[in-house]
Amino acid sequence: MMASLNNTWLGQRWSGLEASEQRLLKIAAPLVLLMLGYLLLWQPLQTWRENSANNQQQQVQDLQRLEALSGRLVPVVFLEERQWLALAASAGLRQVKLVEEGDLRKISAEVASPAMVERFLNSAAEKGWHWQTLNLQGTPIQLEVELRPL
């Protein structure tokens, strides 16, 4: 085996090295390989395992939170456009515009007082819809709200 190694380019380079250089390479090469194995294999594997354990723990916590809320959550009632407009009118909202984007409902309207906004949001919450963003501006109040089912 050594004879065939000596006939190759690598074998010729090896035999051209001094004994101290050969000893250094015999010691350093395995250390470098171990370090590369650690940096390229072991460390990423450890990071992945830690992240997956953290993700699993986060999922368990989320599930526990949702189970705790399950008794208090109101079932979602999906309303048609005319039902949303009627709900808004019953709370005192005027010039109501509704935009549906998947499960998201964007409502813009004119409101006389913040109490009417609160009444509308409470009515929507009774139907299982909760606000995600809320923007109130000017006088009379221009309302823009995004509602999402829980």
N, C-alpha and C. Protein backbone atom coordinates (compact mmCIF):
# COMPACT_ATOMS: atom_id res chain seq x y z
N MET A 1 0.82 -1.19 0.00
CA MET A 1 0.00 0.00 0.00
C MET A 1 0.87 1.25 0.00
N MET A 2 1.90 1.25 0.84
CA MET A 2 2.78 2.40 0.93
C MET A 2 3.55 2.59 -0.38
N ALA A 3 3.86 1.47 -1.03
CA ALA A 3 4.59 1.54 -2.30
C ALA A 3 3.72 2.21 -3.36
N SER A 4 2.44 1.88 -3.41
CA SER A 4 1.56 2.50 -4.39
C SER A 4 1.33 3.98 -4.06
N LEU A 5 1.32 4.33 -2.78
CA LEU A 5 1.15 5.72 -2.37
C LEU A 5 2.36 6.54 -2.78
N ASN A 6 3.56 5.93 -2.70
CA ASN A 6 4.78 6.64 -3.06
C ASN A 6 4.85 6.94 -4.54
N ASN A 7 4.14 6.19 -5.38
CA ASN A 7 4.15 6.41 -6.82
C ASN A 7 3.22 7.54 -7.25
N THR A 8 2.31 7.99 -6.38
CA THR A 8 1.37 9.05 -6.74
C THR A 8 1.99 10.41 -6.45
N TRP A 9 1.31 11.42 -6.95
CA TRP A 9 1.74 12.80 -6.72
C TRP A 9 1.79 13.10 -5.23
N LEU A 10 0.75 12.68 -4.49
CA LEU A 10 0.69 12.92 -3.05
C LEU A 10 1.82 12.20 -2.34
N GLY A 11 2.10 10.97 -2.76
CA GLY A 11 3.18 10.21 -2.15
C GLY A 11 4.53 10.87 -2.38
N GLN A 12 4.71 11.41 -3.57
CA GLN A 12 5.96 12.09 -3.86
C GLN A 12 6.10 13.35 -3.02
N ARG A 13 5.00 14.08 -2.84
CA ARG A 13 5.03 15.29 -2.00
C ARG A 13 5.34 14.90 -0.55
N TRP A 14 4.73 13.79 -0.09
CA TRP A 14 4.92 13.35 1.29
C TRP A 14 6.38 12.97 1.54
N SER A 15 6.96 12.24 0.64
CA SER A 15 8.34 11.82 0.83
C SER A 15 9.31 12.99 0.66
N GLY A 16 8.86 14.07 0.04
CA GLY A 16 9.70 15.25 -0.10
C GLY A 16 9.72 16.11 1.15
N LEU A 17 8.81 15.82 2.11
CA LEU A 17 8.76 16.60 3.36
C LEU A 17 9.79 16.06 4.34
N GLU A 18 10.24 16.94 5.20
CA GLU A 18 11.17 16.52 6.25
C GLU A 18 10.38 15.76 7.31
N ALA A 19 11.09 15.04 8.15
CA ALA A 19 10.46 14.21 9.19
C ALA A 19 9.64 15.06 10.16
N SER A 20 10.14 16.24 10.52
CA SER A 20 9.39 17.11 11.46
C SER A 20 8.11 17.61 10.81
N GLU A 21 8.14 17.90 9.50
CA GLU A 21 6.95 18.35 8.79
C GLU A 21 5.92 17.21 8.70
N GLN A 22 6.41 15.99 8.46
CA GLN A 22 5.51 14.84 8.41
C GLN A 22 4.84 14.61 9.75
N ARG A 23 5.61 14.72 10.86
CA ARG A 23 5.03 14.56 12.21
C ARG A 23 3.97 15.63 12.47
N LEU A 24 4.28 16.88 12.07
CA LEU A 24 3.32 17.97 12.26
C LEU A 24 2.02 17.68 11.51
N LEU A 25 2.12 17.24 10.27
CA LEU A 25 0.92 16.92 9.48
C LEU A 25 0.16 15.73 10.05
N LYS A 26 0.89 14.73 10.57
CA LYS A 26 0.22 13.57 11.16
C LYS A 26 -0.58 13.97 12.39
N ILE A 27 -0.13 14.99 13.11
CA ILE A 27 -0.84 15.45 14.32
C ILE A 27 -1.92 16.47 13.95
N ALA A 28 -1.58 17.41 13.06
CA ALA A 28 -2.50 18.51 12.75
C ALA A 28 -3.67 18.08 11.89
N ALA A 29 -3.45 17.19 10.93
CA ALA A 29 -4.53 16.80 10.01
C ALA A 29 -5.73 16.20 10.74
N PRO A 30 -5.54 15.25 11.67
CA PRO A 30 -6.72 14.74 12.39
C PRO A 30 -7.40 15.81 13.24
N LEU A 31 -6.62 16.72 13.81
CA LEU A 31 -7.23 17.80 14.60
C LEU A 31 -8.07 18.73 13.73
N VAL A 32 -7.55 19.05 12.55
CA VAL A 32 -8.30 19.90 11.63
C VAL A 32 -9.57 19.19 11.17
N LEU A 33 -9.48 17.90 10.88
CA LEU A 33 -10.67 17.13 10.48
C LEU A 33 -11.70 17.08 11.60
N LEU A 34 -11.23 16.90 12.84
CA LEU A 34 -12.16 16.90 13.97
C LEU A 34 -12.83 18.26 14.12
N MET A 35 -12.07 19.33 13.98
CA MET A 35 -12.63 20.67 14.11
C MET A 35 -13.66 20.94 13.01
N LEU A 36 -13.33 20.56 11.78
CA LEU A 36 -14.28 20.73 10.67
C LEU A 36 -15.54 19.90 10.90
N GLY A 37 -15.38 18.69 11.37
CA GLY A 37 -16.54 17.85 11.67
C GLY A 37 -17.42 18.49 12.73
N TYR A 38 -16.79 19.08 13.74
CA TYR A 38 -17.55 19.75 14.79
C TYR A 38 -18.30 20.97 14.23
N LEU A 39 -17.59 21.81 13.48
CA LEU A 39 -18.19 23.05 12.97
C LEU A 39 -19.23 22.80 11.87
N LEU A 40 -18.99 21.81 11.03
CA LEU A 40 -19.89 21.60 9.89
C LEU A 40 -21.00 20.59 10.16
N LEU A 41 -20.80 19.70 11.14
CA LEU A 41 -21.81 18.67 11.40
C LEU A 41 -22.41 18.78 12.80
N TRP A 42 -21.60 18.70 13.81
CA TRP A 42 -22.10 18.60 15.17
C TRP A 42 -22.81 19.88 15.62
N GLN A 43 -22.18 21.03 15.42
CA GLN A 43 -22.78 22.28 15.89
C GLN A 43 -24.11 22.59 15.20
N PRO A 44 -24.23 22.47 13.86
CA PRO A 44 -25.55 22.69 13.23
C PRO A 44 -26.60 21.69 13.71
N LEU A 45 -26.19 20.45 13.95
CA LEU A 45 -27.12 19.44 14.44
C LEU A 45 -27.62 19.81 15.84
N GLN A 46 -26.72 20.26 16.70
CA GLN A 46 -27.12 20.70 18.04
C GLN A 46 -28.06 21.89 17.99
N THR A 47 -27.76 22.86 17.14
CA THR A 47 -28.62 24.04 16.99
C THR A 47 -30.01 23.63 16.52
N TRP A 48 -30.06 22.73 15.54
CA TRP A 48 -31.36 22.26 15.04
C TRP A 48 -32.15 21.56 16.14
N ARG A 49 -31.48 20.71 16.93
CA ARG A 49 -32.17 20.00 18.02
C ARG A 49 -32.70 20.97 19.07
N GLU A 50 -31.90 21.99 19.42
CA GLU A 50 -32.35 22.98 20.39
C GLU A 50 -33.55 23.76 19.86
N ASN A 51 -33.48 24.19 18.59
CA ASN A 51 -34.59 24.93 18.00
C ASN A 51 -35.84 24.08 17.91
N SER A 52 -35.71 22.82 17.57
CA SER A 52 -36.89 21.97 17.48
C SER A 52 -37.50 21.73 18.87
N ALA A 53 -36.65 21.63 19.89
CA ALA A 53 -37.16 21.48 21.26
C ALA A 53 -37.89 22.74 21.69
N ASN A 54 -37.33 23.92 21.36
CA ASN A 54 -37.98 25.19 21.70
C ASN A 54 -39.30 25.34 20.96
N ASN A 55 -39.33 24.96 19.67
CA ASN A 55 -40.57 25.04 18.90
C ASN A 55 -41.63 24.12 19.48
N GLN A 56 -41.23 22.94 19.89
CA GLN A 56 -42.19 22.00 20.47
C GLN A 56 -42.73 22.55 21.79
N GLN A 57 -41.85 23.13 22.59
CA GLN A 57 -42.29 23.72 23.86
C GLN A 57 -43.24 24.89 23.61
N GLN A 58 -42.95 25.72 22.60
CA GLN A 58 -43.82 26.85 22.26
C GLN A 58 -45.19 26.35 21.80
N GLN A 59 -45.22 25.28 21.02
CA GLN A 59 -46.48 24.72 20.55
C GLN A 59 -47.31 24.18 21.72
N VAL A 60 -46.65 23.56 22.68
CA VAL A 60 -47.36 23.05 23.85
C VAL A 60 -47.96 24.22 24.64
N GLN A 61 -47.19 25.30 24.80
CA GLN A 61 -47.70 26.47 25.52
C GLN A 61 -48.87 27.10 24.77
N ASP A 62 -48.77 27.21 23.44
CA ASP A 62 -49.88 27.76 22.65
C ASP A 62 -51.13 26.91 22.80
N LEU A 63 -50.96 25.60 22.75
CA LEU A 63 -52.10 24.69 22.90
C LEU A 63 -52.74 24.85 24.27
N GLN A 64 -51.93 24.97 25.32
CA GLN A 64 -52.47 25.15 26.67
C GLN A 64 -53.24 26.47 26.77
N ARG A 65 -52.70 27.54 26.15
CA ARG A 65 -53.39 28.83 26.17
C ARG A 65 -54.73 28.74 25.46
N LEU A 66 -54.75 28.08 24.30
CA LEU A 66 -55.99 27.94 23.56
C LEU A 66 -57.01 27.07 24.29
N GLU A 67 -56.54 26.02 24.94
CA GLU A 67 -57.45 25.18 25.72
C GLU A 67 -58.03 25.96 26.89
N ALA A 68 -57.23 26.83 27.50
CA ALA A 68 -57.74 27.65 28.61
C ALA A 68 -58.79 28.64 28.11
N LEU A 69 -58.63 29.13 26.88
CA LEU A 69 -59.58 30.09 26.32
C LEU A 69 -60.82 29.43 25.73
N SER A 70 -60.75 28.14 25.47
CA SER A 70 -61.83 27.48 24.72
C SER A 70 -63.20 27.66 25.37
N GLY A 71 -63.26 27.71 26.67
CA GLY A 71 -64.55 27.89 27.34
C GLY A 71 -65.07 29.30 27.23
N ARG A 72 -64.17 30.27 26.97
CA ARG A 72 -64.59 31.67 26.92
C ARG A 72 -64.77 32.21 25.51
N LEU A 73 -64.31 31.46 24.51
CA LEU A 73 -64.43 31.95 23.14
C LEU A 73 -65.84 31.77 22.62
N VAL A 74 -66.28 32.77 21.88
CA VAL A 74 -67.60 32.75 21.27
C VAL A 74 -67.47 32.13 19.89
N PRO A 75 -68.35 31.22 19.51
CA PRO A 75 -68.26 30.66 18.16
C PRO A 75 -68.44 31.76 17.11
N VAL A 76 -67.72 31.67 16.03
CA VAL A 76 -67.75 32.68 14.98
C VAL A 76 -69.01 32.52 14.13
N VAL A 77 -69.70 33.63 13.92
CA VAL A 77 -70.86 33.66 13.05
C VAL A 77 -70.43 34.42 11.79
N PHE A 78 -70.40 33.74 10.65
CA PHE A 78 -70.02 34.41 9.41
C PHE A 78 -71.23 35.16 8.86
N LEU A 79 -71.05 36.46 8.71
CA LEU A 79 -72.13 37.33 8.29
C LEU A 79 -71.97 37.70 6.82
N GLU A 80 -73.09 37.88 6.15
CA GLU A 80 -73.08 38.39 4.79
C GLU A 80 -72.94 39.90 4.84
N GLU A 81 -72.71 40.50 3.69
CA GLU A 81 -72.49 41.95 3.64
C GLU A 81 -73.67 42.73 4.22
N ARG A 82 -74.87 42.35 3.87
CA ARG A 82 -76.05 43.09 4.38
C ARG A 82 -76.18 42.95 5.89
N GLN A 83 -75.76 41.80 6.44
CA GLN A 83 -75.80 41.61 7.90
C GLN A 83 -74.76 42.49 8.59
N TRP A 84 -73.58 42.63 7.97
CA TRP A 84 -72.56 43.53 8.53
C TRP A 84 -73.06 44.97 8.52
N LEU A 85 -73.67 45.35 7.40
CA LEU A 85 -74.19 46.72 7.30
C LEU A 85 -75.29 46.97 8.33
N ALA A 86 -76.14 45.99 8.56
CA ALA A 86 -77.19 46.13 9.56
C ALA A 86 -76.60 46.21 10.97
N LEU A 87 -75.58 45.41 11.25
CA LEU A 87 -74.91 45.44 12.55
C LEU A 87 -74.28 46.80 12.78
N ALA A 88 -73.64 47.34 11.75
CA ALA A 88 -73.01 48.66 11.86
C ALA A 88 -74.07 49.75 12.05
N ALA A 89 -75.16 49.67 11.31
CA ALA A 89 -76.23 50.68 11.43
C ALA A 89 -76.87 50.63 12.82
N SER A 90 -77.02 49.44 13.38
CA SER A 90 -77.63 49.33 14.72
C SER A 90 -76.74 49.93 15.80
N ALA A 91 -75.42 50.02 15.53
CA ALA A 91 -74.50 50.63 16.49
C ALA A 91 -74.36 52.13 16.25
N GLY A 92 -74.98 52.66 15.19
CA GLY A 92 -74.96 54.09 14.92
C GLY A 92 -73.90 54.51 13.91
N LEU A 93 -73.31 53.59 13.21
CA LEU A 93 -72.31 53.93 12.19
C LEU A 93 -73.03 54.37 10.92
N ARG A 94 -72.45 55.37 10.23
CA ARG A 94 -73.04 55.89 8.99
C ARG A 94 -72.02 55.75 7.87
N GLN A 95 -72.51 55.77 6.64
CA GLN A 95 -71.69 55.69 5.44
C GLN A 95 -70.69 54.51 5.54
N VAL A 96 -71.24 53.36 5.84
CA VAL A 96 -70.44 52.16 6.08
C VAL A 96 -69.99 51.54 4.76
N LYS A 97 -68.70 51.21 4.70
CA LYS A 97 -68.15 50.49 3.55
C LYS A 97 -67.48 49.23 4.08
N LEU A 98 -67.76 48.12 3.43
CA LEU A 98 -67.22 46.83 3.86
C LEU A 98 -66.39 46.23 2.73
N VAL A 99 -65.20 45.75 3.09
CA VAL A 99 -64.34 45.04 2.14
C VAL A 99 -63.99 43.70 2.78
N GLU A 100 -64.26 42.62 2.06
CA GLU A 100 -63.95 41.28 2.55
C GLU A 100 -62.70 40.77 1.85
N GLU A 101 -61.71 40.35 2.64
CA GLU A 101 -60.47 39.77 2.10
C GLU A 101 -60.22 38.46 2.84
N GLY A 102 -60.73 37.37 2.31
CA GLY A 102 -60.62 36.08 2.99
C GLY A 102 -61.41 36.13 4.29
N ASP A 103 -60.74 35.85 5.41
CA ASP A 103 -61.40 35.93 6.73
C ASP A 103 -61.38 37.34 7.31
N LEU A 104 -60.66 38.25 6.69
CA LEU A 104 -60.51 39.61 7.20
C LEU A 104 -61.64 40.48 6.67
N ARG A 105 -62.25 41.29 7.56
CA ARG A 105 -63.29 42.24 7.17
C ARG A 105 -62.78 43.64 7.50
N LYS A 106 -62.69 44.50 6.46
CA LYS A 106 -62.26 45.88 6.64
C LYS A 106 -63.50 46.76 6.55
N ILE A 107 -63.74 47.49 7.60
CA ILE A 107 -64.93 48.34 7.66
C ILE A 107 -64.49 49.78 7.86
N SER A 108 -65.02 50.66 7.03
CA SER A 108 -64.79 52.09 7.22
C SER A 108 -66.16 52.75 7.32
N ALA A 109 -66.25 53.73 8.22
CA ALA A 109 -67.54 54.38 8.46
C ALA A 109 -67.31 55.72 9.14
N GLU A 110 -68.40 56.45 9.28
CA GLU A 110 -68.40 57.71 10.01
C GLU A 110 -69.17 57.48 11.30
N VAL A 111 -68.62 57.98 12.42
CA VAL A 111 -69.21 57.73 13.73
C VAL A 111 -69.31 59.05 14.48
N ALA A 112 -70.39 59.22 15.24
CA ALA A 112 -70.57 60.45 16.00
C ALA A 112 -69.77 60.45 17.30
N SER A 113 -69.61 59.28 17.93
CA SER A 113 -68.91 59.25 19.23
C SER A 113 -68.15 57.93 19.39
N PRO A 114 -67.12 57.95 20.25
CA PRO A 114 -66.38 56.71 20.52
C PRO A 114 -67.25 55.62 21.15
N ALA A 115 -68.30 56.00 21.85
CA ALA A 115 -69.19 55.02 22.46
C ALA A 115 -69.85 54.15 21.39
N MET A 116 -70.14 54.74 20.25
CA MET A 116 -70.74 53.98 19.15
C MET A 116 -69.74 52.96 18.59
N VAL A 117 -68.46 53.36 18.54
CA VAL A 117 -67.42 52.44 18.09
C VAL A 117 -67.34 51.26 19.05
N GLU A 118 -67.35 51.57 20.34
CA GLU A 118 -67.30 50.50 21.35
C GLU A 118 -68.51 49.58 21.23
N ARG A 119 -69.68 50.15 21.02
CA ARG A 119 -70.89 49.34 20.87
C ARG A 119 -70.78 48.42 19.65
N PHE A 120 -70.27 48.94 18.53
CA PHE A 120 -70.10 48.13 17.33
C PHE A 120 -69.09 47.00 17.56
N LEU A 121 -67.95 47.33 18.19
CA LEU A 121 -66.93 46.31 18.44
C LEU A 121 -67.44 45.22 19.39
N ASN A 122 -68.24 45.61 20.38
CA ASN A 122 -68.83 44.62 21.29
C ASN A 122 -69.84 43.74 20.55
N SER A 123 -70.62 44.33 19.66
CA SER A 123 -71.58 43.55 18.86
C SER A 123 -70.85 42.56 17.96
N ALA A 124 -69.74 43.01 17.36
CA ALA A 124 -68.96 42.12 16.51
C ALA A 124 -68.33 41.01 17.34
N ALA A 125 -67.86 41.33 18.54
CA ALA A 125 -67.25 40.33 19.42
C ALA A 125 -68.27 39.26 19.82
N GLU A 126 -69.53 39.64 19.99
CA GLU A 126 -70.57 38.68 20.31
C GLU A 126 -70.79 37.68 19.16
N LYS A 127 -70.39 38.08 17.97
CA LYS A 127 -70.49 37.20 16.79
C LYS A 127 -69.18 36.43 16.56
N GLY A 128 -68.18 36.64 17.43
CA GLY A 128 -66.91 35.93 17.31
C GLY A 128 -65.85 36.69 16.53
N TRP A 129 -66.09 37.97 16.21
CA TRP A 129 -65.16 38.79 15.44
C TRP A 129 -64.46 39.77 16.36
N HIS A 130 -63.15 39.87 16.22
CA HIS A 130 -62.37 40.74 17.10
C HIS A 130 -61.49 41.65 16.24
N TRP A 131 -61.30 42.88 16.71
CA TRP A 131 -60.56 43.84 15.88
C TRP A 131 -59.07 43.56 15.92
N GLN A 132 -58.48 43.75 14.75
CA GLN A 132 -57.04 43.56 14.59
C GLN A 132 -56.36 44.92 14.55
N THR A 133 -56.89 45.85 13.76
CA THR A 133 -56.40 47.23 13.74
C THR A 133 -57.60 48.16 13.85
N LEU A 134 -57.35 49.29 14.46
CA LEU A 134 -58.42 50.26 14.67
C LEU A 134 -57.83 51.65 14.47
N ASN A 135 -58.48 52.46 13.64
CA ASN A 135 -58.00 53.79 13.35
C ASN A 135 -59.17 54.76 13.44
N LEU A 136 -59.04 55.75 14.31
CA LEU A 136 -60.08 56.78 14.48
C LEU A 136 -59.44 58.13 14.18
N GLN A 137 -60.09 58.93 13.29
CA GLN A 137 -59.54 60.24 12.94
C GLN A 137 -60.66 61.24 12.71
N GLY A 138 -60.36 62.50 13.05
CA GLY A 138 -61.19 63.63 12.68
C GLY A 138 -62.49 63.78 13.45
N THR A 139 -63.25 64.82 13.04
CA THR A 139 -64.56 65.10 13.59
C THR A 139 -65.48 65.40 12.43
N PRO A 140 -66.54 64.69 12.19
CA PRO A 140 -66.94 63.47 12.86
C PRO A 140 -65.87 62.38 12.68
N ILE A 141 -65.91 61.45 13.56
CA ILE A 141 -64.87 60.42 13.61
C ILE A 141 -64.96 59.52 12.37
N GLN A 142 -63.84 59.39 11.69
CA GLN A 142 -63.72 58.45 10.57
C GLN A 142 -63.12 57.16 11.13
N LEU A 143 -63.88 56.10 11.08
CA LEU A 143 -63.48 54.81 11.63
C LEU A 143 -62.97 53.91 10.52
N GLU A 144 -61.84 53.28 10.78
CA GLU A 144 -61.34 52.20 9.94
C GLU A 144 -60.95 51.07 10.87
N VAL A 145 -61.56 49.91 10.68
CA VAL A 145 -61.29 48.77 11.57
C VAL A 145 -61.17 47.51 10.72
N GLU A 146 -60.24 46.65 11.15
CA GLU A 146 -60.10 45.33 10.53
C GLU A 146 -60.53 44.30 11.56
N LEU A 147 -61.48 43.47 11.18
CA LEU A 147 -62.02 42.44 12.06
C LEU A 147 -61.58 41.07 11.57
N ARG A 148 -61.27 40.21 12.51
CA ARG A 148 -60.81 38.85 12.20
C ARG A 148 -61.53 37.88 13.12
N PRO A 149 -61.95 36.73 12.61
CA PRO A 149 -62.58 35.74 13.49
C PRO A 149 -61.53 35.06 14.34
N LEU A 150 -61.92 34.71 15.56
CA LEU A 150 -61.00 33.94 16.43
C LEU A 150 -61.36 32.49 16.40
